[in-house]
Amino acid sequence: MLEVSQVSASYGHHVALQGVDLRIGAGEVVVMLGANGAGKSTLLKCIARLIPSLPGSRIALDGQDLLALPAHAVVEAGIALVPEGRGIF
């Protein structure tokens, strides 16, 4: 189970996410919909540990605190972000 609690993130002084909560159970398929700039990609980047979340955020996978892990260990735990677009490499 992926549990996201009170996740906040900012780009400089601009707060992109504030207090996001999300719980995804094993086998569930979830879709995030929203306008451009709503924070969808920022949330995914926080979960994948590609950008830092602000203090007070909690992200756990099967009870394991992902925020305590380096990015490569998050991938080993089963979380990865594949960006859209042709310029991956």
PDB file of N, CA and C in Angstrom:
ATOM      1  N   MET A   1       0.840  -1.171   0.000  1.00  0.00           N
ATOM      2  CA  MET A   1       0.000   0.000   0.000  1.00  0.00           C
ATOM      3  C   MET A   1       0.894   1.246   0.000  1.00  0.00           C
ATOM      4  N   LEU A   2       0.553   2.194  -0.838  1.00  0.00           N
ATOM      5  CA  LEU A   2       1.244   3.479  -0.871  1.00  0.00           C
ATOM      6  C   LEU A   2       0.440   4.480  -0.048  1.00  0.00           C
ATOM      7  N   GLU A   3       1.087   5.069   0.934  1.00  0.00           N
ATOM      8  CA  GLU A   3       0.427   6.065   1.779  1.00  0.00           C
ATOM      9  C   GLU A   3       1.181   7.389   1.694  1.00  0.00           C
ATOM     10  N   VAL A   4       0.471   8.418   1.313  1.00  0.00           N
ATOM     11  CA  VAL A   4       1.012   9.773   1.205  1.00  0.00           C
ATOM     12  C   VAL A   4       0.231  10.621   2.194  1.00  0.00           C
ATOM     13  N   SER A   5       0.929  11.300   3.078  1.00  0.00           N
ATOM     14  CA  SER A   5       0.255  12.071   4.118  1.00  0.00           C
ATOM     15  C   SER A   5       0.903  13.443   4.272  1.00  0.00           C
ATOM     16  N   GLN A   6       0.088  14.465   4.159  1.00  0.00           N
ATOM     17  CA  GLN A   6       0.516  15.853   4.370  1.00  0.00           C
ATOM     18  C   GLN A   6       1.739  16.227   3.519  1.00  0.00           C
ATOM     19  N   VAL A   7       1.763  15.758   2.275  1.00  0.00           N
ATOM     20  CA  VAL A   7       2.892  16.052   1.391  1.00  0.00           C
ATOM     21  C   VAL A   7       2.762  17.466   0.852  1.00  0.00           C
ATOM     22  N   SER A   8       3.820  18.217   1.037  1.00  0.00           N
ATOM     23  CA  SER A   8       3.918  19.579   0.519  1.00  0.00           C
ATOM     24  C   SER A   8       5.250  19.704  -0.199  1.00  0.00           C
ATOM     25  N   ALA A   9       5.276  20.554  -1.215  1.00  0.00           N
ATOM     26  CA  ALA A   9       6.515  20.780  -1.967  1.00  0.00           C
ATOM     27  C   ALA A   9       6.482  22.188  -2.535  1.00  0.00           C
ATOM     28  N   SER A  10       7.661  22.726  -2.755  1.00  0.00           N
ATOM     29  CA  SER A  10       7.734  24.068  -3.333  1.00  0.00           C
ATOM     30  C   SER A  10       8.887  24.151  -4.319  1.00  0.00           C
ATOM     31  N   TYR A  11       8.761  25.092  -5.212  1.00  0.00           N
ATOM     32  CA  TYR A  11       9.827  25.457  -6.136  1.00  0.00           C
ATOM     33  C   TYR A  11      10.218  26.881  -5.755  1.00  0.00           C
ATOM     34  N   GLY A  12      11.297  26.994  -5.001  1.00  0.00           N
ATOM     35  CA  GLY A  12      11.664  28.312  -4.481  1.00  0.00           C
ATOM     36  C   GLY A  12      10.607  28.772  -3.494  1.00  0.00           C
ATOM     37  N   HIS A  13      10.084  29.969  -3.709  1.00  0.00           N
ATOM     38  CA  HIS A  13       9.052  30.505  -2.814  1.00  0.00           C
ATOM     39  C   HIS A  13       7.639  30.107  -3.238  1.00  0.00           C
ATOM     40  N   HIS A  14       7.517  29.458  -4.398  1.00  0.00           N
ATOM     41  CA  HIS A  14       6.204  29.054  -4.906  1.00  0.00           C
ATOM     42  C   HIS A  14       5.824  27.682  -4.353  1.00  0.00           C
ATOM     43  N   VAL A  15       4.762  27.627  -3.569  1.00  0.00           N
ATOM     44  CA  VAL A  15       4.276  26.357  -3.020  1.00  0.00           C
ATOM     45  C   VAL A  15       3.472  25.654  -4.109  1.00  0.00           C
ATOM     46  N   ALA A  16       3.936  24.452  -4.507  1.00  0.00           N
ATOM     47  CA  ALA A  16       3.283  23.697  -5.574  1.00  0.00           C
ATOM     48  C   ALA A  16       2.283  22.682  -5.032  1.00  0.00           C
ATOM     49  N   LEU A  17       2.554  22.129  -3.858  1.00  0.00           N
ATOM     50  CA  LEU A  17       1.662  21.185  -3.184  1.00  0.00           C
ATOM     51  C   LEU A  17       1.555  21.579  -1.724  1.00  0.00           C
ATOM     52  N   GLN A  18       0.382  21.393  -1.166  1.00  0.00           N
ATOM     53  CA  GLN A  18       0.229  21.700   0.250  1.00  0.00           C
ATOM     54  C   GLN A  18      -0.718  20.702   0.894  1.00  0.00           C
ATOM     55  N   GLY A  19      -0.167  19.850   1.757  1.00  0.00           N
ATOM     56  CA  GLY A  19      -0.975  18.938   2.559  1.00  0.00           C
ATOM     57  C   GLY A  19      -1.729  17.871   1.788  1.00  0.00           C
ATOM     58  N   VAL A  20      -1.104  17.259   0.799  1.00  0.00           N
ATOM     59  CA  VAL A  20      -1.775  16.237  -0.009  1.00  0.00           C
ATOM     60  C   VAL A  20      -1.794  14.904   0.737  1.00  0.00           C
ATOM     61  N   ASP A  21      -2.948  14.263   0.765  1.00  0.00           N
ATOM     62  CA  ASP A  21      -3.125  12.936   1.350  1.00  0.00           C
ATOM     63  C   ASP A  21      -3.624  11.991   0.267  1.00  0.00           C
ATOM     64  N   LEU A  22      -3.069  10.774   0.267  1.00  0.00           N
ATOM     65  CA  LEU A  22      -3.437   9.789  -0.745  1.00  0.00           C
ATOM     66  C   LEU A  22      -3.148   8.406  -0.185  1.00  0.00           C
ATOM     67  N   ARG A  23      -4.037   7.473  -0.461  1.00  0.00           N
ATOM     68  CA  ARG A  23      -3.820   6.087  -0.032  1.00  0.00           C
ATOM     69  C   ARG A  23      -4.227   5.189  -1.199  1.00  0.00           C
ATOM     70  N   ILE A  24      -3.265   4.358  -1.650  1.00  0.00           N
ATOM     71  CA  ILE A  24      -3.516   3.457  -2.766  1.00  0.00           C
ATOM     72  C   ILE A  24      -3.244   2.041  -2.284  1.00  0.00           C
ATOM     73  N   GLY A  25      -4.255   1.206  -2.333  1.00  0.00           N
ATOM     74  CA  GLY A  25      -4.129  -0.172  -1.881  1.00  0.00           C
ATOM     75  C   GLY A  25      -3.495  -1.061  -2.934  1.00  0.00           C
ATOM     76  N   ALA A  26      -3.032  -2.228  -2.520  1.00  0.00           N
ATOM     77  CA  ALA A  26      -2.433  -3.206  -3.426  1.00  0.00           C
ATOM     78  C   ALA A  26      -3.430  -3.574  -4.520  1.00  0.00           C
ATOM     79  N   GLY A  27      -2.984  -3.541  -5.759  1.00  0.00           N
ATOM     80  CA  GLY A  27      -3.826  -3.912  -6.894  1.00  0.00           C
ATOM     81  C   GLY A  27      -4.736  -2.814  -7.402  1.00  0.00           C
ATOM     82  N   GLU A  28      -4.797  -1.682  -6.726  1.00  0.00           N
ATOM     83  CA  GLU A  28      -5.640  -0.582  -7.192  1.00  0.00           C
ATOM     84  C   GLU A  28      -4.989   0.140  -8.357  1.00  0.00           C
ATOM     85  N   VAL A  29      -5.822   0.647  -9.256  1.00  0.00           N
ATOM     86  CA  VAL A  29      -5.369   1.497 -10.348  1.00  0.00           C
ATOM     87  C   VAL A  29      -5.940   2.883 -10.072  1.00  0.00           C
ATOM     88  N   VAL A  30      -5.062   3.886 -10.073  1.00  0.00           N
ATOM     89  CA  VAL A  30      -5.469   5.242  -9.719  1.00  0.00           C
ATOM     90  C   VAL A  30      -5.085   6.194 -10.846  1.00  0.00           C
ATOM     91  N   VAL A  31      -5.938   7.153 -11.112  1.00  0.00           N
ATOM     92  CA  VAL A  31      -5.684   8.168 -12.118  1.00  0.00           C
ATOM     93  C   VAL A  31      -5.728   9.526 -11.446  1.00  0.00           C
ATOM     94  N   MET A  32      -4.759  10.384 -11.762  1.00  0.00           N
ATOM     95  CA  MET A  32      -4.791  11.760 -11.276  1.00  0.00           C
ATOM     96  C   MET A  32      -5.159  12.667 -12.443  1.00  0.00           C
ATOM     97  N   LEU A  33      -6.202  13.427 -12.252  1.00  0.00           N
ATOM     98  CA  LEU A  33      -6.642  14.368 -13.273  1.00  0.00           C
ATOM     99  C   LEU A  33      -6.560  15.773 -12.710  1.00  0.00           C
ATOM    100  N   GLY A  34      -6.237  16.719 -13.568  1.00  0.00           N
ATOM    101  CA  GLY A  34      -6.207  18.093 -13.116  1.00  0.00           C
ATOM    102  C   GLY A  34      -5.662  18.998 -14.199  1.00  0.00           C
ATOM    103  N   ALA A  35      -5.873  20.253 -14.014  1.00  0.00           N
ATOM    104  CA  ALA A  35      -5.417  21.259 -14.971  1.00  0.00           C
ATOM    105  C   ALA A  35      -3.893  21.364 -14.957  1.00  0.00           C
ATOM    106  N   ASN A  36      -3.355  21.979 -15.987  1.00  0.00           N
ATOM    107  CA  ASN A  36      -1.917  22.268 -16.001  1.00  0.00           C
ATOM    108  C   ASN A  36      -1.564  23.082 -14.769  1.00  0.00           C
ATOM    109  N   GLY A  37      -0.479  22.697 -14.118  1.00  0.00           N
ATOM    110  CA  GLY A  37      -0.037  23.438 -12.946  1.00  0.00           C
ATOM    111  C   GLY A  37      -0.731  23.048 -11.655  1.00  0.00           C
ATOM    112  N   ALA A  38      -1.544  21.999 -11.676  1.00  0.00           N
ATOM    113  CA  ALA A  38      -2.290  21.598 -10.479  1.00  0.00           C
ATOM    114  C   ALA A  38      -1.434  20.826  -9.476  1.00  0.00           C
ATOM    115  N   GLY A  39      -0.261  20.307  -9.918  1.00  0.00           N
ATOM    116  CA  GLY A  39       0.624  19.614  -8.997  1.00  0.00           C
ATOM    117  C   GLY A  39       0.722  18.113  -9.209  1.00  0.00           C
ATOM    118  N   LYS A  40       0.137  17.603 -10.282  1.00  0.00           N
ATOM    119  CA  LYS A  40       0.166  16.156 -10.536  1.00  0.00           C
ATOM    120  C   LYS A  40       1.596  15.644 -10.671  1.00  0.00           C
ATOM    121  N   SER A  41       2.369  16.249 -11.534  1.00  0.00           N
ATOM    122  CA  SER A  41       3.757  15.818 -11.747  1.00  0.00           C
ATOM    123  C   SER A  41       4.607  16.056 -10.514  1.00  0.00           C
ATOM    124  N   THR A  42       4.362  17.130  -9.816  1.00  0.00           N
ATOM    125  CA  THR A  42       5.115  17.419  -8.594  1.00  0.00           C
ATOM    126  C   THR A  42       4.870  16.344  -7.548  1.00  0.00           C
ATOM    127  N   LEU A  43       3.620  15.912  -7.402  1.00  0.00           N
ATOM    128  CA  LEU A  43       3.322  14.843  -6.445  1.00  0.00           C
ATOM    129  C   LEU A  43       4.049  13.558  -6.833  1.00  0.00           C
ATOM    130  N   LEU A  44       4.008  13.201  -8.113  1.00  0.00           N
ATOM    131  CA  LEU A  44       4.690  11.987  -8.559  1.00  0.00           C
ATOM    132  C   LEU A  44       6.193  12.095  -8.353  1.00  0.00           C
ATOM    133  N   LYS A  45       6.757  13.262  -8.587  1.00  0.00           N
ATOM    134  CA  LYS A  45       8.194  13.462  -8.372  1.00  0.00           C
ATOM    135  C   LYS A  45       8.554  13.378  -6.891  1.00  0.00           C
ATOM    136  N   CYS A  46       7.673  13.842  -6.026  1.00  0.00           N
ATOM    137  CA  CYS A  46       7.911  13.708  -4.584  1.00  0.00           C
ATOM    138  C   CYS A  46       7.888  12.242  -4.171  1.00  0.00           C
ATOM    139  N   ILE A  47       6.914  11.494  -4.676  1.00  0.00           N
ATOM    140  CA  ILE A  47       6.807  10.080  -4.333  1.00  0.00           C
ATOM    141  C   ILE A  47       8.042   9.324  -4.808  1.00  0.00           C
ATOM    142  N   ALA A  48       8.532   9.657  -6.006  1.00  0.00           N
ATOM    143  CA  ALA A  48       9.711   8.989  -6.565  1.00  0.00           C
ATOM    144  C   ALA A  48      11.016   9.544  -6.007  1.00  0.00           C
ATOM    145  N   ARG A  49      10.928  10.542  -5.147  1.00  0.00           N
ATOM    146  CA  ARG A  49      12.098  11.173  -4.515  1.00  0.00           C
ATOM    147  C   ARG A  49      12.987  11.908  -5.510  1.00  0.00           C
ATOM    148  N   LEU A  50      12.381  12.424  -6.583  1.00  0.00           N
ATOM    149  CA  LEU A  50      13.136  13.205  -7.560  1.00  0.00           C
ATOM    150  C   LEU A  50      13.231  14.662  -7.144  1.00  0.00           C
ATOM    151  N   ILE A  51      12.269  15.109  -6.346  1.00  0.00           N
ATOM    152  CA  ILE A  51      12.336  16.438  -5.734  1.00  0.00           C
ATOM    153  C   ILE A  51      12.014  16.271  -4.249  1.00  0.00           C
ATOM    154  N   PRO A  52      12.548  17.148  -3.412  1.00  0.00           N
ATOM    155  CA  PRO A  52      12.286  16.999  -1.972  1.00  0.00           C
ATOM    156  C   PRO A  52      10.891  17.495  -1.589  1.00  0.00           C
ATOM    157  N   SER A  53      10.299  16.827  -0.634  1.00  0.00           N
ATOM    158  CA  SER A  53       9.057  17.323  -0.061  1.00  0.00           C
ATOM    159  C   SER A  53       9.411  18.141   1.177  1.00  0.00           C
ATOM    160  N   LEU A  54       8.490  18.976   1.596  1.00  0.00           N
ATOM    161  CA  LEU A  54       8.736  19.859   2.736  1.00  0.00           C
ATOM    162  C   LEU A  54       8.609  19.088   4.051  1.00  0.00           C
ATOM    163  N   PRO A  55       9.210  19.613   5.123  1.00  0.00           N
ATOM    164  CA  PRO A  55       9.100  18.959   6.440  1.00  0.00           C
ATOM    165  C   PRO A  55       7.639  18.729   6.828  1.00  0.00           C
ATOM    166  N   GLY A  56       7.392  17.589   7.454  1.00  0.00           N
ATOM    167  CA  GLY A  56       6.035  17.219   7.849  1.00  0.00           C
ATOM    168  C   GLY A  56       5.379  16.269   6.862  1.00  0.00           C
ATOM    169  N   SER A  57       5.979  16.112   5.684  1.00  0.00           N
ATOM    170  CA  SER A  57       5.459  15.187   4.685  1.00  0.00           C
ATOM    171  C   SER A  57       5.787  13.752   5.090  1.00  0.00           C
ATOM    172  N   ARG A  58       4.913  12.827   4.681  1.00  0.00           N
ATOM    173  CA  ARG A  58       5.157  11.404   4.937  1.00  0.00           C
ATOM    174  C   ARG A  58       4.755  10.624   3.700  1.00  0.00           C
ATOM    175  N   ILE A  59       5.682   9.781   3.212  1.00  0.00           N
ATOM    176  CA  ILE A  59       5.416   8.915   2.071  1.00  0.00           C
ATOM    177  C   ILE A  59       5.923   7.530   2.449  1.00  0.00           C
ATOM    178  N   ALA A  60       5.035   6.536   2.418  1.00  0.00           N
ATOM    179  CA  ALA A  60       5.418   5.178   2.816  1.00  0.00           C
ATOM    180  C   ALA A  60       4.863   4.170   1.817  1.00  0.00           C
ATOM    181  N   LEU A  61       5.645   3.143   1.557  1.00  0.00           N
ATOM    182  CA  LEU A  61       5.235   2.033   0.710  1.00  0.00           C
ATOM    183  C   LEU A  61       5.297   0.766   1.547  1.00  0.00           C
ATOM    184  N   ASP A  62       4.156   0.137   1.730  1.00  0.00           N
ATOM    185  CA  ASP A  62       4.062  -1.063   2.575  1.00  0.00           C
ATOM    186  C   ASP A  62       4.694  -0.832   3.948  1.00  0.00           C
ATOM    187  N   GLY A  63       4.465   0.353   4.504  1.00  0.00           N
ATOM    188  CA  GLY A  63       4.959   0.694   5.834  1.00  0.00           C
ATOM    189  C   GLY A  63       6.385   1.197   5.885  1.00  0.00           C
ATOM    190  N   GLN A  64       7.116   1.122   4.770  1.00  0.00           N
ATOM    191  CA  GLN A  64       8.508   1.583   4.732  1.00  0.00           C
ATOM    192  C   GLN A  64       8.544   3.065   4.360  1.00  0.00           C
ATOM    193  N   ASP A  65       9.218   3.860   5.175  1.00  0.00           N
ATOM    194  CA  ASP A  65       9.326   5.299   4.969  1.00  0.00           C
ATOM    195  C   ASP A  65      10.222   5.589   3.771  1.00  0.00           C
ATOM    196  N   LEU A  66       9.625   6.034   2.663  1.00  0.00           N
ATOM    197  CA  LEU A  66      10.400   6.321   1.459  1.00  0.00           C
ATOM    198  C   LEU A  66      11.241   7.575   1.595  1.00  0.00           C
ATOM    199  N   LEU A  67      10.834   8.487   2.467  1.00  0.00           N
ATOM    200  CA  LEU A  67      11.591   9.729   2.627  1.00  0.00           C
ATOM    201  C   LEU A  67      12.928   9.507   3.317  1.00  0.00           C
ATOM    202  N   ALA A  68      13.078   8.360   3.964  1.00  0.00           N
ATOM    203  CA  ALA A  68      14.340   8.044   4.635  1.00  0.00           C
ATOM    204  C   ALA A  68      15.315   7.334   3.692  1.00  0.00           C
ATOM    205  N   LEU A  69      14.868   7.046   2.467  1.00  0.00           N
ATOM    206  CA  LEU A  69      15.683   6.300   1.522  1.00  0.00           C
ATOM    207  C   LEU A  69      16.266   7.192   0.435  1.00  0.00           C
ATOM    208  N   PRO A  70      17.452   6.861  -0.075  1.00  0.00           N
ATOM    209  CA  PRO A  70      17.951   7.565  -1.255  1.00  0.00           C
ATOM    210  C   PRO A  70      17.118   7.158  -2.474  1.00  0.00           C
ATOM    211  N   ALA A  71      17.174   7.953  -3.527  1.00  0.00           N
ATOM    212  CA  ALA A  71      16.331   7.734  -4.702  1.00  0.00           C
ATOM    213  C   ALA A  71      16.508   6.336  -5.292  1.00  0.00           C
ATOM    214  N   HIS A  72      17.730   5.825  -5.350  1.00  0.00           N
ATOM    215  CA  HIS A  72      17.928   4.501  -5.954  1.00  0.00           C
ATOM    216  C   HIS A  72      17.253   3.402  -5.126  1.00  0.00           C
ATOM    217  N   ALA A  73      17.169   3.578  -3.826  1.00  0.00           N
ATOM    218  CA  ALA A  73      16.510   2.589  -2.972  1.00  0.00           C
ATOM    219  C   ALA A  73      14.989   2.644  -3.141  1.00  0.00           C
ATOM    220  N   VAL A  74      14.470   3.818  -3.474  1.00  0.00           N
ATOM    221  CA  VAL A  74      13.036   3.948  -3.741  1.00  0.00           C
ATOM    222  C   VAL A  74      12.680   3.146  -4.993  1.00  0.00           C
ATOM    223  N   VAL A  75      13.538   3.205  -6.008  1.00  0.00           N
ATOM    224  CA  VAL A  75      13.320   2.403  -7.224  1.00  0.00           C
ATOM    225  C   VAL A  75      13.375   0.919  -6.884  1.00  0.00           C
ATOM    226  N   GLU A  76      14.339   0.523  -6.076  1.00  0.00           N
ATOM    227  CA  GLU A  76      14.446  -0.878  -5.678  1.00  0.00           C
ATOM    228  C   GLU A  76      13.224  -1.338  -4.883  1.00  0.00           C
ATOM    229  N   ALA A  77      12.572  -0.410  -4.182  1.00  0.00           N
ATOM    230  CA  ALA A  77      11.370  -0.746  -3.419  1.00  0.00           C
ATOM    231  C   ALA A  77      10.148  -0.902  -4.329  1.00  0.00           C
ATOM    232  N   GLY A  78      10.255  -0.416  -5.586  1.00  0.00           N
ATOM    233  CA  GLY A  78       9.150  -0.600  -6.530  1.00  0.00           C
ATOM    234  C   GLY A  78       8.509   0.665  -7.038  1.00  0.00           C
ATOM    235  N   ILE A  79       9.082   1.828  -6.744  1.00  0.00           N
ATOM    236  CA  ILE A  79       8.536   3.097  -7.216  1.00  0.00           C
ATOM    237  C   ILE A  79       9.460   3.663  -8.287  1.00  0.00           C
ATOM    238  N   ALA A  80       8.899   3.993  -9.443  1.00  0.00           N
ATOM    239  CA  ALA A  80       9.677   4.609 -10.516  1.00  0.00           C
ATOM    240  C   ALA A  80       8.778   5.567 -11.284  1.00  0.00           C
ATOM    241  N   LEU A  81       9.357   6.593 -11.840  1.00  0.00           N
ATOM    242  CA  LEU A  81       8.625   7.575 -12.632  1.00  0.00           C
ATOM    243  C   LEU A  81       9.208   7.559 -14.034  1.00  0.00           C
ATOM    244  N   VAL A  82       8.358   7.307 -15.018  1.00  0.00           N
ATOM    245  CA  VAL A  82       8.777   7.328 -16.419  1.00  0.00           C
ATOM    246  C   VAL A  82       8.145   8.560 -17.043  1.00  0.00           C
ATOM    247  N   PRO A  83       8.965   9.551 -17.387  1.00  0.00           N
ATOM    248  CA  PRO A  83       8.398  10.800 -17.910  1.00  0.00           C
ATOM    249  C   PRO A  83       7.836  10.628 -19.316  1.00  0.00           C
ATOM    250  N   GLU A  84       6.840  11.448 -19.608  1.00  0.00           N
ATOM    251  CA  GLU A  84       6.267  11.475 -20.951  1.00  0.00           C
ATOM    252  C   GLU A  84       7.208  12.254 -21.867  1.00  0.00           C
ATOM    253  N   GLY A  85       7.254  11.897 -23.095  1.00  0.00           N
ATOM    254  CA  GLY A  85       8.052  12.643 -24.055  1.00  0.00           C
ATOM    255  C   GLY A  85       9.112  11.783 -24.690  1.00  0.00           C
ATOM    256  N   ARG A  86       9.705  12.346 -25.713  1.00  0.00           N
ATOM    257  CA  ARG A  86      10.681  11.599 -26.489  1.00  0.00           C
ATOM    258  C   ARG A  86      12.113  11.850 -26.038  1.00  0.00           C
ATOM    259  N   GLY A  87      12.366  12.814 -25.189  1.00  0.00           N
ATOM    260  CA  GLY A  87      13.710  13.175 -24.784  1.00  0.00           C
ATOM    261  C   GLY A  87      14.165  12.498 -23.510  1.00  0.00           C
ATOM    262  N   ILE A  88      13.875  11.205 -23.351  1.00  0.00           N
ATOM    263  CA  ILE A  88      14.232  10.503 -22.113  1.00  0.00           C
ATOM    264  C   ILE A  88      15.736  10.350 -21.987  1.00  0.00           C
ATOM    265  N   PHE A  89      16.429  10.061 -23.090  1.00  0.00           N
ATOM    266  CA  PHE A  89      17.856   9.808 -23.026  1.00  0.00           C
ATOM    267  C   PHE A  89      18.652  11.002 -23.484  1.00  0.00           C
TER     268      PHE A  89
END
